[in-house]
């Protein structure tokens, strides 16, 4: 992952630098969750510096429990490896980091990649020349993808939609995990 640390594609217009770790390895590497970008106030991917779960992480854990998993069992990374100081720059950073993300996916070889947020869905859609819809399971280059809405507390509609998606896809997801 040294190539991520040495990447300079975004240095002209982003304040944050790539952070360690670039991947949180779960106990069971069958699922890789792809978030948006590293938080400045994070202890790790799911916890703040006070070691409390972010509200988004609590919701994410709720989705995972529906299919018999939890935050500790899944692997996690972000589509952007640098901290983005302005959401308007997120798409450009995601495009720059896509090559690194693909390498991470190839290393982990998850059975399911769950992307979080509209930007991640759009990047996978654009890079694979395929129209991808939220909540649908797709097979792209040897991996299964499930795009979900961001579980932020600022997005109650997305949270309700994600719960419905996970309940509706529960059987399919469990089969893919075997």
N, C-alpha and C. Protein backbone atom coordinates (compact mmCIF):
# COMPACT_ATOMS: atom_id res chain seq x y z
N UNK A 1 0.80 -1.20 0.00
CA UNK A 1 0.00 0.00 0.00
C UNK A 1 0.85 1.27 0.00
N UNK A 2 2.14 1.09 -0.19
CA UNK A 2 3.04 2.24 -0.21
C UNK A 2 2.68 3.20 -1.34
N UNK A 3 2.18 2.68 -2.45
CA UNK A 3 1.82 3.55 -3.57
C UNK A 3 0.72 4.53 -3.19
N UNK A 4 -0.15 4.16 -2.25
CA UNK A 4 -1.18 5.10 -1.78
C UNK A 4 -0.51 6.22 -0.99
N UNK A 5 0.36 5.86 -0.09
CA UNK A 5 1.04 6.84 0.77
C UNK A 5 1.85 7.83 -0.07
N UNK A 6 2.38 7.38 -1.20
CA UNK A 6 3.20 8.23 -2.05
C UNK A 6 2.42 8.93 -3.15
N UNK A 7 1.12 8.70 -3.22
CA UNK A 7 0.29 9.30 -4.26
C UNK A 7 0.24 10.82 -4.10
N UNK A 8 0.36 11.52 -5.20
CA UNK A 8 0.35 12.99 -5.18
C UNK A 8 -0.74 13.56 -6.09
N UNK A 9 -1.66 12.74 -6.57
CA UNK A 9 -2.67 13.19 -7.52
C UNK A 9 -3.55 14.32 -6.98
N UNK A 10 -3.80 14.30 -5.69
CA UNK A 10 -4.74 15.28 -5.12
C UNK A 10 -4.07 16.38 -4.32
N UNK A 11 -2.77 16.37 -4.19
CA UNK A 11 -2.12 17.28 -3.25
C UNK A 11 -2.35 18.76 -3.58
N UNK A 12 -2.64 19.09 -4.81
CA UNK A 12 -2.83 20.49 -5.18
C UNK A 12 -4.17 21.06 -4.69
N UNK A 13 -5.15 20.18 -4.48
CA UNK A 13 -6.46 20.71 -4.10
C UNK A 13 -7.11 20.02 -2.91
N UNK A 14 -6.37 19.21 -2.16
CA UNK A 14 -6.89 18.59 -0.94
C UNK A 14 -5.96 18.87 0.22
N UNK A 15 -6.56 19.11 1.37
CA UNK A 15 -5.75 19.41 2.55
C UNK A 15 -5.25 18.16 3.25
N UNK A 16 -6.01 17.09 3.19
CA UNK A 16 -5.63 15.88 3.92
C UNK A 16 -4.69 15.00 3.14
N UNK A 17 -3.88 14.27 3.86
CA UNK A 17 -2.98 13.29 3.24
C UNK A 17 -3.52 11.90 3.48
N UNK A 18 -3.07 10.94 2.70
CA UNK A 18 -3.50 9.57 2.97
C UNK A 18 -3.19 9.17 4.41
N UNK A 19 -4.14 8.45 5.01
CA UNK A 19 -4.01 8.05 6.41
C UNK A 19 -3.81 6.55 6.50
N UNK A 20 -3.15 6.13 7.57
CA UNK A 20 -3.09 4.70 7.90
C UNK A 20 -4.19 4.43 8.89
N UNK A 21 -4.79 3.27 8.94
CA UNK A 21 -4.63 2.19 7.97
C UNK A 21 -5.51 2.45 6.75
N UNK A 22 -5.12 1.87 5.65
CA UNK A 22 -5.91 2.02 4.43
C UNK A 22 -6.99 0.95 4.35
N UNK A 23 -6.82 -0.12 5.09
CA UNK A 23 -7.81 -1.19 5.16
C UNK A 23 -7.94 -1.62 6.61
N UNK A 24 -9.16 -1.78 7.05
CA UNK A 24 -9.42 -2.43 8.34
C UNK A 24 -9.76 -3.87 7.97
N UNK A 25 -8.96 -4.80 8.43
CA UNK A 25 -9.18 -6.21 8.12
C UNK A 25 -10.16 -6.79 9.14
N UNK A 26 -11.27 -7.30 8.65
CA UNK A 26 -12.24 -7.93 9.52
C UNK A 26 -11.86 -9.37 9.82
N UNK A 27 -12.50 -9.91 10.84
CA UNK A 27 -12.26 -11.31 11.21
C UNK A 27 -12.65 -12.24 10.07
N UNK A 28 -13.70 -11.88 9.35
CA UNK A 28 -14.18 -12.67 8.23
C UNK A 28 -14.10 -11.76 7.00
N UNK A 29 -13.22 -12.04 6.09
CA UNK A 29 -12.98 -11.14 4.96
C UNK A 29 -13.93 -11.36 3.79
N UNK A 30 -15.11 -11.89 4.07
CA UNK A 30 -16.07 -12.13 3.00
C UNK A 30 -16.74 -10.85 2.52
N UNK A 31 -16.77 -9.81 3.39
CA UNK A 31 -17.42 -8.55 3.04
C UNK A 31 -16.42 -7.42 3.17
N UNK A 32 -16.38 -6.57 2.14
CA UNK A 32 -15.60 -5.34 2.18
C UNK A 32 -16.58 -4.19 2.05
N UNK A 33 -16.57 -3.31 3.03
CA UNK A 33 -17.39 -2.10 2.95
C UNK A 33 -16.49 -0.97 2.48
N UNK A 34 -16.99 -0.21 1.51
CA UNK A 34 -16.24 0.91 0.96
C UNK A 34 -16.98 2.20 1.32
N UNK A 35 -16.37 2.96 2.25
CA UNK A 35 -16.92 4.25 2.65
C UNK A 35 -16.46 5.35 1.71
N UNK A 36 -16.63 6.59 2.16
CA UNK A 36 -16.31 7.71 1.29
C UNK A 36 -14.87 8.20 1.45
N UNK A 37 -14.48 8.63 2.66
CA UNK A 37 -13.13 9.14 2.89
C UNK A 37 -12.85 9.15 4.38
N UNK A 38 -11.56 9.16 4.76
CA UNK A 38 -11.21 9.13 6.19
C UNK A 38 -11.70 10.39 6.91
N UNK A 39 -12.25 10.18 8.10
CA UNK A 39 -12.69 11.32 8.91
C UNK A 39 -11.51 11.87 9.69
N UNK A 40 -11.46 13.17 9.82
CA UNK A 40 -10.37 13.82 10.55
C UNK A 40 -10.40 13.46 12.03
N UNK A 41 -11.59 13.26 12.60
CA UNK A 41 -11.71 13.02 14.04
C UNK A 41 -11.84 11.54 14.39
N UNK A 42 -11.42 10.67 13.48
CA UNK A 42 -11.59 9.23 13.70
C UNK A 42 -10.41 8.61 14.43
N UNK A 43 -10.73 7.69 15.32
CA UNK A 43 -9.72 6.83 15.95
C UNK A 43 -9.36 5.72 14.96
N UNK A 44 -10.37 5.14 14.38
CA UNK A 44 -10.22 4.20 13.26
C UNK A 44 -11.45 4.40 12.38
N UNK A 45 -11.80 3.44 11.61
CA UNK A 45 -12.89 3.63 10.65
C UNK A 45 -14.26 3.81 11.30
N UNK A 46 -14.51 3.15 12.42
CA UNK A 46 -15.84 3.15 13.01
C UNK A 46 -15.96 3.96 14.29
N UNK A 47 -14.85 4.35 14.89
CA UNK A 47 -14.86 4.99 16.21
C UNK A 47 -14.23 6.37 16.18
N UNK A 48 -14.76 7.27 17.02
CA UNK A 48 -14.15 8.58 17.17
C UNK A 48 -12.97 8.47 18.15
N UNK A 49 -12.32 9.58 18.43
CA UNK A 49 -11.13 9.55 19.30
C UNK A 49 -11.48 9.18 20.74
N UNK A 50 -12.74 9.29 21.13
CA UNK A 50 -13.18 8.87 22.46
C UNK A 50 -13.55 7.38 22.48
N UNK A 51 -13.29 6.71 21.36
CA UNK A 51 -13.57 5.29 21.18
C UNK A 51 -15.06 4.98 21.26
N UNK A 52 -15.87 5.93 20.78
CA UNK A 52 -17.31 5.74 20.68
C UNK A 52 -17.65 5.52 19.21
N UNK A 53 -18.60 4.63 18.96
CA UNK A 53 -19.04 4.41 17.58
C UNK A 53 -19.66 5.68 17.02
N UNK A 54 -19.30 5.99 15.78
CA UNK A 54 -20.02 7.04 15.07
C UNK A 54 -21.46 6.56 14.88
N UNK A 55 -22.41 7.48 14.79
CA UNK A 55 -23.81 7.11 14.57
C UNK A 55 -23.95 6.34 13.25
N UNK A 56 -23.21 6.75 12.23
CA UNK A 56 -23.24 6.03 10.95
C UNK A 56 -22.78 4.59 11.12
N UNK A 57 -21.78 4.39 11.98
CA UNK A 57 -21.27 3.04 12.24
C UNK A 57 -22.31 2.20 12.96
N UNK A 58 -23.05 2.80 13.88
CA UNK A 58 -24.13 2.08 14.56
C UNK A 58 -25.16 1.59 13.56
N UNK A 59 -25.51 2.46 12.62
CA UNK A 59 -26.50 2.07 11.60
C UNK A 59 -25.94 0.99 10.68
N UNK A 60 -24.70 1.11 10.31
CA UNK A 60 -24.05 0.11 9.47
C UNK A 60 -24.04 -1.24 10.17
N UNK A 61 -23.74 -1.24 11.44
CA UNK A 61 -23.75 -2.47 12.22
C UNK A 61 -25.16 -3.08 12.24
N UNK A 62 -26.16 -2.24 12.33
CA UNK A 62 -27.56 -2.71 12.30
C UNK A 62 -27.84 -3.46 11.00
N UNK A 63 -27.38 -2.93 9.88
CA UNK A 63 -27.58 -3.59 8.58
C UNK A 63 -26.86 -4.94 8.55
N UNK A 64 -25.63 -4.95 9.04
CA UNK A 64 -24.83 -6.17 9.01
C UNK A 64 -25.43 -7.27 9.88
N UNK A 65 -25.97 -6.90 11.02
CA UNK A 65 -26.57 -7.89 11.92
C UNK A 65 -27.73 -8.63 11.27
N UNK A 66 -28.41 -7.99 10.34
CA UNK A 66 -29.52 -8.62 9.63
C UNK A 66 -29.05 -9.84 8.85
N UNK A 67 -27.80 -9.79 8.38
CA UNK A 67 -27.26 -10.92 7.61
C UNK A 67 -26.23 -11.72 8.41
N UNK A 68 -26.28 -11.56 9.73
CA UNK A 68 -25.44 -12.38 10.61
C UNK A 68 -24.00 -11.92 10.77
N UNK A 69 -23.72 -10.66 10.48
CA UNK A 69 -22.37 -10.11 10.60
C UNK A 69 -22.37 -8.93 11.57
N UNK A 70 -21.20 -8.36 11.80
CA UNK A 70 -21.08 -7.13 12.57
C UNK A 70 -19.85 -6.37 12.10
N UNK A 71 -19.64 -5.19 12.64
CA UNK A 71 -18.52 -4.36 12.20
C UNK A 71 -17.17 -5.03 12.35
N UNK A 72 -17.01 -5.86 13.38
CA UNK A 72 -15.72 -6.51 13.60
C UNK A 72 -15.46 -7.65 12.62
N UNK A 73 -16.51 -8.13 11.97
CA UNK A 73 -16.33 -9.27 11.06
C UNK A 73 -16.05 -8.84 9.62
N UNK A 74 -16.26 -7.58 9.30
CA UNK A 74 -16.10 -7.13 7.92
C UNK A 74 -14.83 -6.30 7.76
N UNK A 75 -14.34 -6.26 6.54
CA UNK A 75 -13.21 -5.39 6.21
C UNK A 75 -13.77 -4.06 5.74
N UNK A 76 -12.95 -3.02 5.83
CA UNK A 76 -13.44 -1.68 5.50
C UNK A 76 -12.31 -0.85 4.91
N UNK A 77 -12.66 -0.05 3.92
CA UNK A 77 -11.75 0.95 3.36
C UNK A 77 -12.62 2.08 2.83
N UNK A 78 -11.98 3.10 2.30
CA UNK A 78 -12.70 4.21 1.70
C UNK A 78 -12.37 4.31 0.22
N UNK A 79 -13.30 4.88 -0.54
CA UNK A 79 -13.03 5.08 -1.95
C UNK A 79 -11.97 6.17 -2.11
N UNK A 80 -11.93 7.17 -1.23
CA UNK A 80 -10.89 8.20 -1.20
C UNK A 80 -9.92 7.87 -0.09
N UNK A 81 -8.66 7.96 -0.37
CA UNK A 81 -7.64 7.64 0.63
C UNK A 81 -7.19 8.88 1.39
N UNK A 82 -7.54 10.07 0.88
CA UNK A 82 -7.20 11.33 1.54
C UNK A 82 -8.46 11.91 2.19
N UNK A 83 -8.26 12.72 3.22
CA UNK A 83 -9.38 13.42 3.83
C UNK A 83 -9.81 14.54 2.90
N UNK A 84 -11.08 14.56 2.58
CA UNK A 84 -11.63 15.56 1.68
C UNK A 84 -12.19 16.70 2.52
N UNK A 85 -11.73 17.91 2.26
CA UNK A 85 -12.17 19.06 3.06
C UNK A 85 -13.43 19.72 2.51
N UNK A 86 -13.88 19.29 1.35
CA UNK A 86 -15.05 19.87 0.71
C UNK A 86 -15.72 18.78 -0.12
N UNK A 87 -16.98 18.48 0.19
CA UNK A 87 -17.68 17.38 -0.51
C UNK A 87 -17.74 17.59 -2.02
N UNK A 88 -17.59 18.82 -2.49
CA UNK A 88 -17.61 19.08 -3.93
C UNK A 88 -16.40 18.44 -4.61
N UNK A 89 -15.35 18.16 -3.83
CA UNK A 89 -14.13 17.55 -4.36
C UNK A 89 -14.14 16.03 -4.26
N UNK A 90 -15.15 15.48 -3.63
CA UNK A 90 -15.20 14.04 -3.36
C UNK A 90 -15.14 13.20 -4.64
N UNK A 91 -15.90 13.57 -5.65
CA UNK A 91 -15.93 12.77 -6.88
C UNK A 91 -14.56 12.74 -7.56
N UNK A 92 -13.89 13.89 -7.63
CA UNK A 92 -12.57 13.94 -8.26
C UNK A 92 -11.57 13.08 -7.48
N UNK A 93 -11.61 13.18 -6.15
CA UNK A 93 -10.71 12.37 -5.32
C UNK A 93 -11.01 10.88 -5.51
N UNK A 94 -12.29 10.53 -5.57
CA UNK A 94 -12.68 9.13 -5.76
C UNK A 94 -12.17 8.60 -7.10
N UNK A 95 -12.26 9.42 -8.13
CA UNK A 95 -11.73 9.01 -9.44
C UNK A 95 -10.21 8.81 -9.37
N UNK A 96 -9.52 9.70 -8.67
CA UNK A 96 -8.06 9.58 -8.53
C UNK A 96 -7.67 8.32 -7.75
N UNK A 97 -8.46 7.95 -6.75
CA UNK A 97 -8.12 6.83 -5.87
C UNK A 97 -8.65 5.48 -6.36
N UNK A 98 -9.44 5.49 -7.41
CA UNK A 98 -10.09 4.26 -7.86
C UNK A 98 -9.09 3.13 -8.12
N UNK A 99 -7.96 3.43 -8.73
CA UNK A 99 -6.95 2.41 -9.02
C UNK A 99 -6.46 1.76 -7.73
N UNK A 100 -6.30 2.53 -6.66
CA UNK A 100 -5.87 1.98 -5.37
C UNK A 100 -6.97 1.10 -4.77
N UNK A 101 -8.20 1.54 -4.90
CA UNK A 101 -9.33 0.76 -4.38
C UNK A 101 -9.43 -0.59 -5.09
N UNK A 102 -9.28 -0.60 -6.38
CA UNK A 102 -9.34 -1.86 -7.14
C UNK A 102 -8.26 -2.82 -6.66
N UNK A 103 -7.06 -2.31 -6.40
CA UNK A 103 -5.99 -3.17 -5.89
C UNK A 103 -6.35 -3.74 -4.53
N UNK A 104 -6.97 -2.94 -3.67
CA UNK A 104 -7.39 -3.42 -2.36
C UNK A 104 -8.42 -4.53 -2.50
N UNK A 105 -9.37 -4.35 -3.39
CA UNK A 105 -10.40 -5.37 -3.62
C UNK A 105 -9.75 -6.66 -4.11
N UNK A 106 -8.80 -6.54 -5.02
CA UNK A 106 -8.12 -7.73 -5.54
C UNK A 106 -7.30 -8.44 -4.47
N UNK A 107 -6.75 -7.70 -3.53
CA UNK A 107 -5.99 -8.31 -2.43
C UNK A 107 -6.93 -9.07 -1.50
N UNK A 108 -8.04 -8.46 -1.14
CA UNK A 108 -8.96 -9.05 -0.17
C UNK A 108 -9.83 -10.16 -0.76
N UNK A 109 -10.18 -10.04 -2.03
CA UNK A 109 -11.06 -11.01 -2.69
C UNK A 109 -12.35 -11.27 -1.90
N UNK A 110 -13.09 -10.20 -1.58
CA UNK A 110 -14.33 -10.39 -0.82
C UNK A 110 -15.42 -11.03 -1.68
N UNK A 111 -16.37 -11.64 -1.04
CA UNK A 111 -17.52 -12.19 -1.77
C UNK A 111 -18.52 -11.10 -2.10
N UNK A 112 -18.57 -10.07 -1.23
CA UNK A 112 -19.47 -8.94 -1.46
C UNK A 112 -18.73 -7.65 -1.12
N UNK A 113 -18.86 -6.66 -2.01
CA UNK A 113 -18.36 -5.32 -1.76
C UNK A 113 -19.59 -4.43 -1.57
N UNK A 114 -19.72 -3.85 -0.40
CA UNK A 114 -20.84 -2.95 -0.12
C UNK A 114 -20.30 -1.53 -0.21
N UNK A 115 -20.81 -0.77 -1.18
CA UNK A 115 -20.39 0.61 -1.32
C UNK A 115 -21.38 1.51 -0.57
N UNK A 116 -20.84 2.53 0.08
CA UNK A 116 -21.65 3.43 0.89
C UNK A 116 -21.68 4.80 0.23
N UNK A 117 -22.88 5.26 -0.10
CA UNK A 117 -23.05 6.60 -0.63
C UNK A 117 -23.17 6.65 -2.14
N UNK A 118 -23.74 7.74 -2.60
CA UNK A 118 -24.00 7.94 -4.03
C UNK A 118 -22.70 8.06 -4.81
N UNK A 119 -21.70 8.74 -4.27
CA UNK A 119 -20.45 8.94 -5.01
C UNK A 119 -19.78 7.61 -5.31
N UNK A 120 -19.70 6.72 -4.33
CA UNK A 120 -19.08 5.41 -4.57
C UNK A 120 -19.84 4.64 -5.64
N UNK A 121 -21.16 4.68 -5.58
CA UNK A 121 -21.98 4.00 -6.60
C UNK A 121 -21.68 4.58 -7.98
N UNK A 122 -21.63 5.90 -8.07
CA UNK A 122 -21.38 6.54 -9.36
C UNK A 122 -20.00 6.22 -9.92
N UNK A 123 -19.00 6.18 -9.05
CA UNK A 123 -17.63 5.87 -9.51
C UNK A 123 -17.58 4.45 -10.08
N UNK A 124 -18.15 3.49 -9.37
CA UNK A 124 -18.17 2.11 -9.88
C UNK A 124 -18.98 2.03 -11.18
N UNK A 125 -20.06 2.75 -11.25
CA UNK A 125 -20.89 2.77 -12.45
C UNK A 125 -20.11 3.34 -13.63
N UNK A 126 -19.47 4.49 -13.43
CA UNK A 126 -18.72 5.14 -14.51
C UNK A 126 -17.51 4.33 -14.95
N UNK A 127 -16.75 3.83 -14.00
CA UNK A 127 -15.52 3.09 -14.32
C UNK A 127 -15.81 1.75 -14.99
N UNK A 128 -16.98 1.19 -14.74
CA UNK A 128 -17.33 -0.11 -15.33
C UNK A 128 -18.34 0.02 -16.46
N UNK A 129 -18.67 1.24 -16.85
CA UNK A 129 -19.59 1.50 -17.95
C UNK A 129 -20.89 0.71 -17.80
N UNK A 130 -21.43 0.76 -16.59
CA UNK A 130 -22.65 0.01 -16.30
C UNK A 130 -23.55 0.86 -15.43
N UNK A 131 -24.81 0.93 -15.79
CA UNK A 131 -25.78 1.67 -14.98
C UNK A 131 -26.07 0.88 -13.72
N UNK A 132 -25.68 1.43 -12.58
CA UNK A 132 -25.85 0.76 -11.30
C UNK A 132 -26.91 1.51 -10.49
N UNK A 133 -27.81 0.75 -9.88
CA UNK A 133 -28.87 1.34 -9.06
C UNK A 133 -28.64 0.97 -7.60
N UNK A 134 -28.99 1.88 -6.72
CA UNK A 134 -28.91 1.62 -5.29
C UNK A 134 -29.74 0.38 -4.95
N UNK A 135 -29.18 -0.45 -4.09
CA UNK A 135 -29.93 -1.59 -3.58
C UNK A 135 -29.97 -2.82 -4.47
N UNK A 136 -29.31 -2.78 -5.62
CA UNK A 136 -29.27 -3.94 -6.50
C UNK A 136 -27.89 -4.60 -6.39
N UNK A 137 -27.85 -5.91 -6.41
CA UNK A 137 -26.58 -6.63 -6.38
C UNK A 137 -26.09 -6.77 -7.82
N UNK A 138 -24.83 -6.40 -8.03
CA UNK A 138 -24.22 -6.45 -9.36
C UNK A 138 -22.97 -7.30 -9.32
N UNK A 139 -22.71 -7.95 -10.43
CA UNK A 139 -21.46 -8.70 -10.60
C UNK A 139 -20.59 -7.86 -11.54
N UNK A 140 -19.45 -7.38 -11.03
CA UNK A 140 -18.51 -6.59 -11.83
C UNK A 140 -17.12 -7.18 -11.63
N UNK A 141 -16.48 -7.59 -12.72
CA UNK A 141 -15.10 -8.07 -12.67
C UNK A 141 -14.85 -9.04 -11.51
N UNK A 142 -15.60 -10.10 -11.45
CA UNK A 142 -15.42 -11.20 -10.49
C UNK A 142 -15.89 -10.92 -9.08
N UNK A 143 -16.52 -9.79 -8.82
CA UNK A 143 -16.98 -9.48 -7.47
C UNK A 143 -18.43 -9.04 -7.48
N UNK A 144 -19.12 -9.30 -6.38
CA UNK A 144 -20.51 -8.88 -6.20
C UNK A 144 -20.51 -7.55 -5.47
N UNK A 145 -21.29 -6.60 -5.96
CA UNK A 145 -21.37 -5.27 -5.37
C UNK A 145 -22.81 -4.98 -4.96
N UNK A 146 -22.94 -4.33 -3.80
CA UNK A 146 -24.23 -3.86 -3.34
C UNK A 146 -24.07 -2.40 -2.91
N UNK A 147 -24.58 -1.46 -3.70
CA UNK A 147 -24.50 -0.06 -3.29
C UNK A 147 -25.64 0.27 -2.31
N UNK A 148 -25.26 0.94 -1.21
CA UNK A 148 -26.22 1.40 -0.22
C UNK A 148 -26.10 2.91 -0.07
N UNK A 149 -27.17 3.51 0.44
CA UNK A 149 -27.14 4.93 0.78
C UNK A 149 -26.23 5.13 1.99
N UNK A 150 -25.70 6.33 2.14
CA UNK A 150 -24.86 6.60 3.31
C UNK A 150 -25.74 6.51 4.56
N UNK A 151 -25.26 5.84 5.61
CA UNK A 151 -26.07 5.65 6.81
C UNK A 151 -26.04 6.84 7.78
N UNK A 152 -25.68 7.99 7.30
CA UNK A 152 -25.58 9.18 8.15
C UNK A 152 -26.91 9.50 8.84
N UNK A 153 -26.85 9.98 10.08
CA UNK A 153 -28.07 10.42 10.77
C UNK A 153 -28.75 11.57 10.03
N UNK A 154 -28.00 12.29 9.20
CA UNK A 154 -28.58 13.38 8.41
C UNK A 154 -29.41 12.86 7.24
N UNK A 155 -29.44 11.54 7.06
CA UNK A 155 -30.15 10.94 5.93
C UNK A 155 -31.13 9.87 6.43
N UNK A 156 -32.22 10.25 7.11
CA UNK A 156 -33.16 9.25 7.63
C UNK A 156 -33.85 8.44 6.52
N UNK A 157 -34.07 9.06 5.37
CA UNK A 157 -34.69 8.33 4.25
C UNK A 157 -33.74 7.26 3.74
N UNK A 158 -32.45 7.58 3.66
CA UNK A 158 -31.45 6.60 3.24
C UNK A 158 -31.38 5.44 4.21
N UNK A 159 -31.46 5.73 5.50
CA UNK A 159 -31.42 4.67 6.52
C UNK A 159 -32.61 3.73 6.36
N UNK A 160 -33.80 4.27 6.20
CA UNK A 160 -34.99 3.43 6.01
C UNK A 160 -34.87 2.62 4.71
N UNK A 161 -34.35 3.26 3.67
CA UNK A 161 -34.17 2.56 2.39
C UNK A 161 -33.16 1.43 2.53
N UNK A 162 -32.06 1.67 3.26
CA UNK A 162 -31.05 0.63 3.47
C UNK A 162 -31.63 -0.55 4.23
N UNK A 163 -32.41 -0.29 5.26
CA UNK A 163 -33.03 -1.39 6.01
C UNK A 163 -33.90 -2.24 5.09
N UNK A 164 -34.70 -1.58 4.25
CA UNK A 164 -35.55 -2.31 3.31
C UNK A 164 -34.70 -3.12 2.32
N UNK A 165 -33.65 -2.51 1.81
CA UNK A 165 -32.76 -3.20 0.86
C UNK A 165 -32.18 -4.47 1.51
N UNK A 166 -31.64 -4.33 2.71
CA UNK A 166 -31.01 -5.48 3.37
C UNK A 166 -32.03 -6.57 3.67
N UNK A 167 -33.20 -6.19 4.15
CA UNK A 167 -34.24 -7.21 4.40
C UNK A 167 -34.66 -7.88 3.09
N UNK A 168 -34.85 -7.10 2.03
CA UNK A 168 -35.27 -7.66 0.74
C UNK A 168 -34.19 -8.56 0.12
N UNK A 169 -32.92 -8.23 0.32
CA UNK A 169 -31.80 -8.97 -0.28
C UNK A 169 -31.18 -9.99 0.68
N UNK A 170 -31.75 -10.13 1.86
CA UNK A 170 -31.16 -10.96 2.91
C UNK A 170 -30.80 -12.36 2.42
N UNK A 171 -31.72 -13.06 1.82
CA UNK A 171 -31.47 -14.43 1.35
C UNK A 171 -30.36 -14.45 0.31
N UNK A 172 -30.42 -13.55 -0.66
CA UNK A 172 -29.40 -13.49 -1.71
C UNK A 172 -28.02 -13.21 -1.10
N UNK A 173 -27.95 -12.28 -0.16
CA UNK A 173 -26.66 -11.95 0.48
C UNK A 173 -26.11 -13.11 1.27
N UNK A 174 -26.95 -13.79 2.00
CA UNK A 174 -26.49 -14.95 2.78
C UNK A 174 -25.95 -16.04 1.88
N UNK A 175 -26.61 -16.27 0.75
CA UNK A 175 -26.12 -17.26 -0.22
C UNK A 175 -24.75 -16.84 -0.77
N UNK A 176 -24.59 -15.56 -1.08
CA UNK A 176 -23.30 -15.06 -1.61
C UNK A 176 -22.18 -15.18 -0.58
N UNK A 177 -22.52 -15.13 0.69
CA UNK A 177 -21.52 -15.23 1.76
C UNK A 177 -21.02 -16.64 2.00
N UNK A 178 -21.75 -17.63 1.55
CA UNK A 178 -21.36 -19.04 1.80
C UNK A 178 -20.19 -19.45 0.96
